[in-house]
């Protein structure tokens, strides 16, 4: 696999997961202040991912979207975030 194909695949996966998390957090609410902090961090990672994607820094962009998902899943798991 050549570098261009790898880059396009990474860009495509990043964009797919970015769209999914942006859609999913529309239905997520914090239950307390810690939940608000988690949601703020999730949004920051989403924003960072979009920034790095725009700069063609695909690895950092993908890392940020992965972190956003991690924070979301942890917040839901420890019940400081809830989904409607």
PDB file of N, CA and C in Angstrom:
ATOM      1  N   UNK A   1       0.853  -1.178   0.000  1.00  0.00           N
ATOM      2  CA  UNK A   1       0.000   0.000   0.000  1.00  0.00           C
ATOM      3  C   UNK A   1       0.898   1.240   0.000  1.00  0.00           C
ATOM      4  N   UNK A   2       0.619   2.154  -0.908  1.00  0.00           N
ATOM      5  CA  UNK A   2       1.454   3.346  -0.995  1.00  0.00           C
ATOM      6  C   UNK A   2       0.975   4.435  -0.033  1.00  0.00           C
ATOM      7  N   UNK A   3       1.813   5.431   0.152  1.00  0.00           N
ATOM      8  CA  UNK A   3       1.556   6.486   1.141  1.00  0.00           C
ATOM      9  C   UNK A   3       0.274   7.255   0.842  1.00  0.00           C
ATOM     10  N   UNK A   4      -0.013   7.506  -0.427  1.00  0.00           N
ATOM     11  CA  UNK A   4      -1.229   8.251  -0.771  1.00  0.00           C
ATOM     12  C   UNK A   4      -2.479   7.464  -0.393  1.00  0.00           C
ATOM     13  N   UNK A   5      -2.453   6.170  -0.619  1.00  0.00           N
ATOM     14  CA  UNK A   5      -3.608   5.337  -0.288  1.00  0.00           C
ATOM     15  C   UNK A   5      -3.801   5.268   1.227  1.00  0.00           C
ATOM     16  N   UNK A   6      -2.711   5.153   1.945  1.00  0.00           N
ATOM     17  CA  UNK A   6      -2.784   5.127   3.406  1.00  0.00           C
ATOM     18  C   UNK A   6      -3.350   6.451   3.929  1.00  0.00           C
ATOM     19  N   UNK A   7      -2.864   7.556   3.385  1.00  0.00           N
ATOM     20  CA  UNK A   7      -3.340   8.873   3.814  1.00  0.00           C
ATOM     21  C   UNK A   7      -4.830   9.028   3.530  1.00  0.00           C
ATOM     22  N   UNK A   8      -5.269   8.595   2.358  1.00  0.00           N
ATOM     23  CA  UNK A   8      -6.688   8.723   2.013  1.00  0.00           C
ATOM     24  C   UNK A   8      -7.548   7.844   2.918  1.00  0.00           C
ATOM     25  N   UNK A   9      -7.075   6.666   3.236  1.00  0.00           N
ATOM     26  CA  UNK A   9      -7.823   5.782   4.135  1.00  0.00           C
ATOM     27  C   UNK A   9      -7.908   6.386   5.544  1.00  0.00           C
ATOM     28  N   UNK A  10      -6.803   6.952   6.027  1.00  0.00           N
ATOM     29  CA  UNK A  10      -6.788   7.576   7.343  1.00  0.00           C
ATOM     30  C   UNK A  10      -7.715   8.796   7.369  1.00  0.00           C
ATOM     31  N   UNK A  11      -7.682   9.600   6.329  1.00  0.00           N
ATOM     32  CA  UNK A  11      -8.573  10.764   6.226  1.00  0.00           C
ATOM     33  C   UNK A  11     -10.040  10.308   6.236  1.00  0.00           C
ATOM     34  N   UNK A  12     -10.341   9.294   5.469  1.00  0.00           N
ATOM     35  CA  UNK A  12     -11.706   8.785   5.372  1.00  0.00           C
ATOM     36  C   UNK A  12     -12.203   8.248   6.711  1.00  0.00           C
ATOM     37  N   UNK A  13     -11.393   7.470   7.398  1.00  0.00           N
ATOM     38  CA  UNK A  13     -11.776   6.926   8.706  1.00  0.00           C
ATOM     39  C   UNK A  13     -11.956   8.039   9.735  1.00  0.00           C
ATOM     40  N   UNK A  14     -11.065   9.010   9.715  1.00  0.00           N
ATOM     41  CA  UNK A  14     -11.162  10.135  10.652  1.00  0.00           C
ATOM     42  C   UNK A  14     -12.457  10.898  10.432  1.00  0.00           C
ATOM     43  N   UNK A  15     -12.761  11.182   9.190  1.00  0.00           N
ATOM     44  CA  UNK A  15     -13.977  11.928   8.887  1.00  0.00           C
ATOM     45  C   UNK A  15     -15.224  11.130   9.275  1.00  0.00           C
ATOM     46  N   UNK A  16     -15.200   9.840   9.023  1.00  0.00           N
ATOM     47  CA  UNK A  16     -16.341   8.989   9.379  1.00  0.00           C
ATOM     48  C   UNK A  16     -16.597   9.033  10.880  1.00  0.00           C
ATOM     49  N   UNK A  17     -15.529   8.850  11.681  1.00  0.00           N
ATOM     50  CA  UNK A  17     -15.702   8.823  13.140  1.00  0.00           C
ATOM     51  C   UNK A  17     -15.989  10.201  13.713  1.00  0.00           C
ATOM     52  N   UNK A  18     -15.475  11.240  13.069  1.00  0.00           N
ATOM     53  CA  UNK A  18     -15.806  12.606  13.491  1.00  0.00           C
ATOM     54  C   UNK A  18     -17.300  12.873  13.311  1.00  0.00           C
ATOM     55  N   UNK A  19     -17.827  12.529  12.157  1.00  0.00           N
ATOM     56  CA  UNK A  19     -19.251  12.753  11.910  1.00  0.00           C
ATOM     57  C   UNK A  19     -20.109  11.953  12.887  1.00  0.00           C
ATOM     58  N   UNK A  20     -19.709  10.727  13.155  1.00  0.00           N
ATOM     59  CA  UNK A  20     -20.477   9.893  14.080  1.00  0.00           C
ATOM     60  C   UNK A  20     -20.501  10.462  15.491  1.00  0.00           C
ATOM     61  N   UNK A  21     -19.348  10.922  15.972  1.00  0.00           N
ATOM     62  CA  UNK A  21     -19.337  11.437  17.355  1.00  0.00           C
ATOM     63  C   UNK A  21     -20.062  12.778  17.438  1.00  0.00           C
ATOM     64  N   UNK A  22     -19.937  13.606  16.408  1.00  0.00           N
ATOM     65  CA  UNK A  22     -20.660  14.883  16.430  1.00  0.00           C
ATOM     66  C   UNK A  22     -22.164  14.645  16.449  1.00  0.00           C
ATOM     67  N   UNK A  23     -22.612  13.645  15.742  1.00  0.00           N
ATOM     68  CA  UNK A  23     -24.028  13.298  15.747  1.00  0.00           C
ATOM     69  C   UNK A  23     -24.438  12.700  17.099  1.00  0.00           C
ATOM     70  N   UNK A  24     -23.600  11.845  17.631  1.00  0.00           N
ATOM     71  CA  UNK A  24     -23.947  11.159  18.879  1.00  0.00           C
ATOM     72  C   UNK A  24     -24.001  12.104  20.072  1.00  0.00           C
ATOM     73  N   UNK A  25     -23.087  13.064  20.173  1.00  0.00           N
ATOM     74  CA  UNK A  25     -23.085  13.928  21.363  1.00  0.00           C
ATOM     75  C   UNK A  25     -24.250  14.911  21.381  1.00  0.00           C
ATOM     76  N   UNK A  26     -24.983  14.997  20.277  1.00  0.00           N
ATOM     77  CA  UNK A  26     -26.182  15.841  20.280  1.00  0.00           C
ATOM     78  C   UNK A  26     -27.192  15.342  21.312  1.00  0.00           C
ATOM     79  N   UNK A  27     -27.146  14.055  21.616  1.00  0.00           N
ATOM     80  CA  UNK A  27     -28.093  13.436  22.542  1.00  0.00           C
ATOM     81  C   UNK A  27     -27.472  13.117  23.905  1.00  0.00           C
ATOM     82  N   UNK A  28     -26.305  13.660  24.169  1.00  0.00           N
ATOM     83  CA  UNK A  28     -25.604  13.380  25.428  1.00  0.00           C
ATOM     84  C   UNK A  28     -25.711  14.591  26.341  1.00  0.00           C
ATOM     85  N   UNK A  29     -26.029  14.318  27.591  1.00  0.00           N
ATOM     86  CA  UNK A  29     -26.160  15.379  28.593  1.00  0.00           C
ATOM     87  C   UNK A  29     -25.314  15.025  29.816  1.00  0.00           C
ATOM     88  N   UNK A  30     -24.731  16.041  30.450  1.00  0.00           N
ATOM     89  CA  UNK A  30     -24.007  15.798  31.697  1.00  0.00           C
ATOM     90  C   UNK A  30     -24.988  15.687  32.854  1.00  0.00           C
ATOM     91  N   UNK A  31     -24.615  14.892  33.865  1.00  0.00           N
ATOM     92  CA  UNK A  31     -25.478  14.785  35.046  1.00  0.00           C
ATOM     93  C   UNK A  31     -24.959  15.627  36.205  1.00  0.00           C
ATOM     94  N   UNK A  32     -23.708  16.084  36.092  1.00  0.00           N
ATOM     95  CA  UNK A  32     -23.111  16.904  37.148  1.00  0.00           C
ATOM     96  C   UNK A  32     -21.959  17.713  36.557  1.00  0.00           C
ATOM     97  N   UNK A  33     -21.240  18.408  37.425  1.00  0.00           N
ATOM     98  CA  UNK A  33     -20.146  19.255  36.945  1.00  0.00           C
ATOM     99  C   UNK A  33     -19.038  18.438  36.285  1.00  0.00           C
ATOM    100  N   UNK A  34     -18.734  17.273  36.832  1.00  0.00           N
ATOM    101  CA  UNK A  34     -17.705  16.418  36.232  1.00  0.00           C
ATOM    102  C   UNK A  34     -18.134  16.005  34.819  1.00  0.00           C
ATOM    103  N   UNK A  35     -19.425  15.730  34.648  1.00  0.00           N
ATOM    104  CA  UNK A  35     -19.949  15.408  33.326  1.00  0.00           C
ATOM    105  C   UNK A  35     -19.804  16.580  32.366  1.00  0.00           C
ATOM    106  N   UNK A  36     -20.023  17.796  32.870  1.00  0.00           N
ATOM    107  CA  UNK A  36     -19.832  18.990  32.043  1.00  0.00           C
ATOM    108  C   UNK A  36     -18.376  19.102  31.594  1.00  0.00           C
ATOM    109  N   UNK A  37     -17.448  18.792  32.502  1.00  0.00           N
ATOM    110  CA  UNK A  37     -16.021  18.822  32.151  1.00  0.00           C
ATOM    111  C   UNK A  37     -15.714  17.781  31.078  1.00  0.00           C
ATOM    112  N   UNK A  38     -16.279  16.594  31.227  1.00  0.00           N
ATOM    113  CA  UNK A  38     -16.071  15.545  30.224  1.00  0.00           C
ATOM    114  C   UNK A  38     -16.595  16.002  28.864  1.00  0.00           C
ATOM    115  N   UNK A  39     -17.801  16.547  28.840  1.00  0.00           N
ATOM    116  CA  UNK A  39     -18.389  16.985  27.582  1.00  0.00           C
ATOM    117  C   UNK A  39     -17.565  18.114  26.953  1.00  0.00           C
ATOM    118  N   UNK A  40     -17.048  19.006  27.777  1.00  0.00           N
ATOM    119  CA  UNK A  40     -16.185  20.079  27.282  1.00  0.00           C
ATOM    120  C   UNK A  40     -14.905  19.489  26.656  1.00  0.00           C
ATOM    121  N   UNK A  41     -14.330  18.486  27.298  1.00  0.00           N
ATOM    122  CA  UNK A  41     -13.127  17.840  26.755  1.00  0.00           C
ATOM    123  C   UNK A  41     -13.427  17.104  25.456  1.00  0.00           C
ATOM    124  N   UNK A  42     -14.577  16.440  25.401  1.00  0.00           N
ATOM    125  CA  UNK A  42     -14.963  15.746  24.171  1.00  0.00           C
ATOM    126  C   UNK A  42     -15.056  16.748  23.028  1.00  0.00           C
ATOM    127  N   UNK A  43     -15.719  17.852  23.277  1.00  0.00           N
ATOM    128  CA  UNK A  43     -15.865  18.890  22.235  1.00  0.00           C
ATOM    129  C   UNK A  43     -14.506  19.477  21.836  1.00  0.00           C
ATOM    130  N   UNK A  44     -13.618  19.619  22.806  1.00  0.00           N
ATOM    131  CA  UNK A  44     -12.274  20.140  22.506  1.00  0.00           C
ATOM    132  C   UNK A  44     -11.510  19.161  21.616  1.00  0.00           C
ATOM    133  N   UNK A  45     -11.607  17.874  21.913  1.00  0.00           N
ATOM    134  CA  UNK A  45     -10.933  16.880  21.068  1.00  0.00           C
ATOM    135  C   UNK A  45     -11.526  16.855  19.665  1.00  0.00           C
ATOM    136  N   UNK A  46     -12.842  17.019  19.556  1.00  0.00           N
ATOM    137  CA  UNK A  46     -13.467  17.082  18.239  1.00  0.00           C
ATOM    138  C   UNK A  46     -12.936  18.289  17.470  1.00  0.00           C
ATOM    139  N   UNK A  47     -12.880  19.427  18.133  1.00  0.00           N
ATOM    140  CA  UNK A  47     -12.374  20.639  17.504  1.00  0.00           C
ATOM    141  C   UNK A  47     -10.910  20.472  17.084  1.00  0.00           C
ATOM    142  N   UNK A  48     -10.114  19.893  17.959  1.00  0.00           N
ATOM    143  CA  UNK A  48      -8.702  19.652  17.630  1.00  0.00           C
ATOM    144  C   UNK A  48      -8.574  18.716  16.434  1.00  0.00           C
ATOM    145  N   UNK A  49      -9.403  17.689  16.401  1.00  0.00           N
ATOM    146  CA  UNK A  49      -9.370  16.749  15.281  1.00  0.00           C
ATOM    147  C   UNK A  49      -9.675  17.459  13.966  1.00  0.00           C
ATOM    148  N   UNK A  50     -10.685  18.321  13.981  1.00  0.00           N
ATOM    149  CA  UNK A  50     -11.029  19.075  12.773  1.00  0.00           C
ATOM    150  C   UNK A  50      -9.892  20.008  12.369  1.00  0.00           C
ATOM    151  N   UNK A  51      -9.263  20.644  13.350  1.00  0.00           N
ATOM    152  CA  UNK A  51      -8.138  21.537  13.071  1.00  0.00           C
ATOM    153  C   UNK A  51      -6.992  20.768  12.397  1.00  0.00           C
ATOM    154  N   UNK A  52      -6.613  19.635  13.001  1.00  0.00           N
ATOM    155  CA  UNK A  52      -5.503  18.861  12.436  1.00  0.00           C
ATOM    156  C   UNK A  52      -5.861  18.276  11.070  1.00  0.00           C
ATOM    157  N   UNK A  53      -7.121  17.916  10.874  1.00  0.00           N
ATOM    158  CA  UNK A  53      -7.553  17.409   9.577  1.00  0.00           C
ATOM    159  C   UNK A  53      -7.396  18.494   8.517  1.00  0.00           C
ATOM    160  N   UNK A  54      -7.782  19.704   8.868  1.00  0.00           N
ATOM    161  CA  UNK A  54      -7.639  20.836   7.949  1.00  0.00           C
ATOM    162  C   UNK A  54      -6.172  21.084   7.601  1.00  0.00           C
ATOM    163  N   UNK A  55      -5.287  20.857   8.562  1.00  0.00           N
ATOM    164  CA  UNK A  55      -3.848  21.069   8.348  1.00  0.00           C
ATOM    165  C   UNK A  55      -3.165  19.857   7.711  1.00  0.00           C
ATOM    166  N   UNK A  56      -3.979  18.820   7.376  1.00  0.00           N
ATOM    167  CA  UNK A  56      -3.464  17.582   6.792  1.00  0.00           C
ATOM    168  C   UNK A  56      -2.548  16.811   7.741  1.00  0.00           C
ATOM    169  N   UNK A  57      -2.681  17.067   9.026  1.00  0.00           N
ATOM    170  CA  UNK A  57      -1.950  16.300  10.037  1.00  0.00           C
ATOM    171  C   UNK A  57      -2.861  15.136  10.443  1.00  0.00           C
ATOM    172  N   UNK A  58      -2.868  14.131   9.596  1.00  0.00           N
ATOM    173  CA  UNK A  58      -3.866  13.068   9.701  1.00  0.00           C
ATOM    174  C   UNK A  58      -3.704  12.194  10.932  1.00  0.00           C
ATOM    175  N   UNK A  59      -2.495  11.947  11.335  1.00  0.00           N
ATOM    176  CA  UNK A  59      -2.281  11.102  12.513  1.00  0.00           C
ATOM    177  C   UNK A  59      -2.807  11.800  13.765  1.00  0.00           C
ATOM    178  N   UNK A  60      -2.454  13.062  13.943  1.00  0.00           N
ATOM    179  CA  UNK A  60      -2.959  13.797  15.114  1.00  0.00           C
ATOM    180  C   UNK A  60      -4.481  13.947  15.066  1.00  0.00           C
ATOM    181  N   UNK A  61      -5.013  14.168  13.885  1.00  0.00           N
ATOM    182  CA  UNK A  61      -6.458  14.289  13.744  1.00  0.00           C
ATOM    183  C   UNK A  61      -7.149  13.001  14.177  1.00  0.00           C
ATOM    184  N   UNK A  62      -6.635  11.872  13.727  1.00  0.00           N
ATOM    185  CA  UNK A  62      -7.219  10.588  14.103  1.00  0.00           C
ATOM    186  C   UNK A  62      -7.064  10.339  15.603  1.00  0.00           C
ATOM    187  N   UNK A  63      -5.899  10.676  16.144  1.00  0.00           N
ATOM    188  CA  UNK A  63      -5.687  10.510  17.592  1.00  0.00           C
ATOM    189  C   UNK A  63      -6.721  11.305  18.387  1.00  0.00           C
ATOM    190  N   UNK A  64      -6.998  12.520  17.965  1.00  0.00           N
ATOM    191  CA  UNK A  64      -7.964  13.360  18.684  1.00  0.00           C
ATOM    192  C   UNK A  64      -9.368  12.775  18.640  1.00  0.00           C
ATOM    193  N   UNK A  65      -9.776  12.246  17.503  1.00  0.00           N
ATOM    194  CA  UNK A  65     -11.116  11.667  17.430  1.00  0.00           C
ATOM    195  C   UNK A  65     -11.198  10.404  18.282  1.00  0.00           C
ATOM    196  N   UNK A  66     -10.114   9.655  18.345  1.00  0.00           N
ATOM    197  CA  UNK A  66     -10.092   8.469  19.213  1.00  0.00           C
ATOM    198  C   UNK A  66     -10.216   8.894  20.679  1.00  0.00           C
ATOM    199  N   UNK A  67      -9.507   9.937  21.068  1.00  0.00           N
ATOM    200  CA  UNK A  67      -9.617  10.434  22.445  1.00  0.00           C
ATOM    201  C   UNK A  67     -11.025  10.940  22.744  1.00  0.00           C
ATOM    202  N   UNK A  68     -11.648  11.614  21.790  1.00  0.00           N
ATOM    203  CA  UNK A  68     -13.020  12.086  21.988  1.00  0.00           C
ATOM    204  C   UNK A  68     -13.947  10.911  22.268  1.00  0.00           C
ATOM    205  N   UNK A  69     -13.811   9.846  21.497  1.00  0.00           N
ATOM    206  CA  UNK A  69     -14.628   8.650  21.727  1.00  0.00           C
ATOM    207  C   UNK A  69     -14.323   8.028  23.080  1.00  0.00           C
ATOM    208  N   UNK A  70     -13.062   7.993  23.447  1.00  0.00           N
ATOM    209  CA  UNK A  70     -12.689   7.410  24.748  1.00  0.00           C
ATOM    210  C   UNK A  70     -13.342   8.174  25.891  1.00  0.00           C
ATOM    211  N   UNK A  71     -13.263   9.502  25.854  1.00  0.00           N
ATOM    212  CA  UNK A  71     -13.878  10.319  26.900  1.00  0.00           C
ATOM    213  C   UNK A  71     -15.391  10.100  26.943  1.00  0.00           C
ATOM    214  N   UNK A  72     -16.011  10.005  25.769  1.00  0.00           N
ATOM    215  CA  UNK A  72     -17.450   9.777  25.709  1.00  0.00           C
ATOM    216  C   UNK A  72     -17.814   8.433  26.340  1.00  0.00           C
ATOM    217  N   UNK A  73     -17.136   7.391  25.938  1.00  0.00           N
ATOM    218  CA  UNK A  73     -17.443   6.058  26.452  1.00  0.00           C
ATOM    219  C   UNK A  73     -17.192   5.969  27.960  1.00  0.00           C
ATOM    220  N   UNK A  74     -16.120   6.564  28.424  1.00  0.00           N
ATOM    221  CA  UNK A  74     -15.830   6.554  29.865  1.00  0.00           C
ATOM    222  C   UNK A  74     -16.901   7.335  30.618  1.00  0.00           C
ATOM    223  N   UNK A  75     -17.247   8.522  30.127  1.00  0.00           N
ATOM    224  CA  UNK A  75     -18.276   9.333  30.774  1.00  0.00           C
ATOM    225  C   UNK A  75     -19.611   8.613  30.870  1.00  0.00           C
ATOM    226  N   UNK A  76     -19.986   7.912  29.806  1.00  0.00           N
ATOM    227  CA  UNK A  76     -21.230   7.140  29.824  1.00  0.00           C
ATOM    228  C   UNK A  76     -21.116   5.962  30.784  1.00  0.00           C
ATOM    229  N   UNK A  77     -19.974   5.313  30.767  1.00  0.00           N
ATOM    230  CA  UNK A  77     -19.765   4.125  31.593  1.00  0.00           C
ATOM    231  C   UNK A  77     -19.799   4.439  33.095  1.00  0.00           C
ATOM    232  N   UNK A  78     -19.243   5.583  33.483  1.00  0.00           N
ATOM    233  CA  UNK A  78     -19.251   5.934  34.906  1.00  0.00           C
ATOM    234  C   UNK A  78     -20.458   6.802  35.265  1.00  0.00           C
ATOM    235  N   UNK A  79     -21.336   6.959  34.305  1.00  0.00           N
ATOM    236  CA  UNK A  79     -22.642   7.602  34.473  1.00  0.00           C
ATOM    237  C   UNK A  79     -22.594   9.082  34.875  1.00  0.00           C
ATOM    238  N   UNK A  80     -21.586   9.783  34.364  1.00  0.00           N
ATOM    239  CA  UNK A  80     -21.595  11.235  34.534  1.00  0.00           C
ATOM    240  C   UNK A  80     -22.105  11.908  33.267  1.00  0.00           C
ATOM    241  N   UNK A  81     -22.283  11.084  32.223  1.00  0.00           N
ATOM    242  CA  UNK A  81     -22.942  11.504  31.003  1.00  0.00           C
ATOM    243  C   UNK A  81     -24.076  10.519  30.744  1.00  0.00           C
ATOM    244  N   UNK A  82     -25.169  11.035  30.185  1.00  0.00           N
ATOM    245  CA  UNK A  82     -26.283  10.163  29.822  1.00  0.00           C
ATOM    246  C   UNK A  82     -26.707  10.477  28.385  1.00  0.00           C
ATOM    247  N   UNK A  83     -27.246   9.456  27.722  1.00  0.00           N
ATOM    248  CA  UNK A  83     -27.777   9.635  26.372  1.00  0.00           C
ATOM    249  C   UNK A  83     -29.291   9.641  26.439  1.00  0.00           C
ATOM    250  N   UNK A  84     -29.889  10.571  25.715  1.00  0.00           N
ATOM    251  CA  UNK A  84     -31.361  10.613  25.624  1.00  0.00           C
ATOM    252  C   UNK A  84     -31.830   9.689  24.532  1.00  0.00           C
TER     253      UNK A  84
END
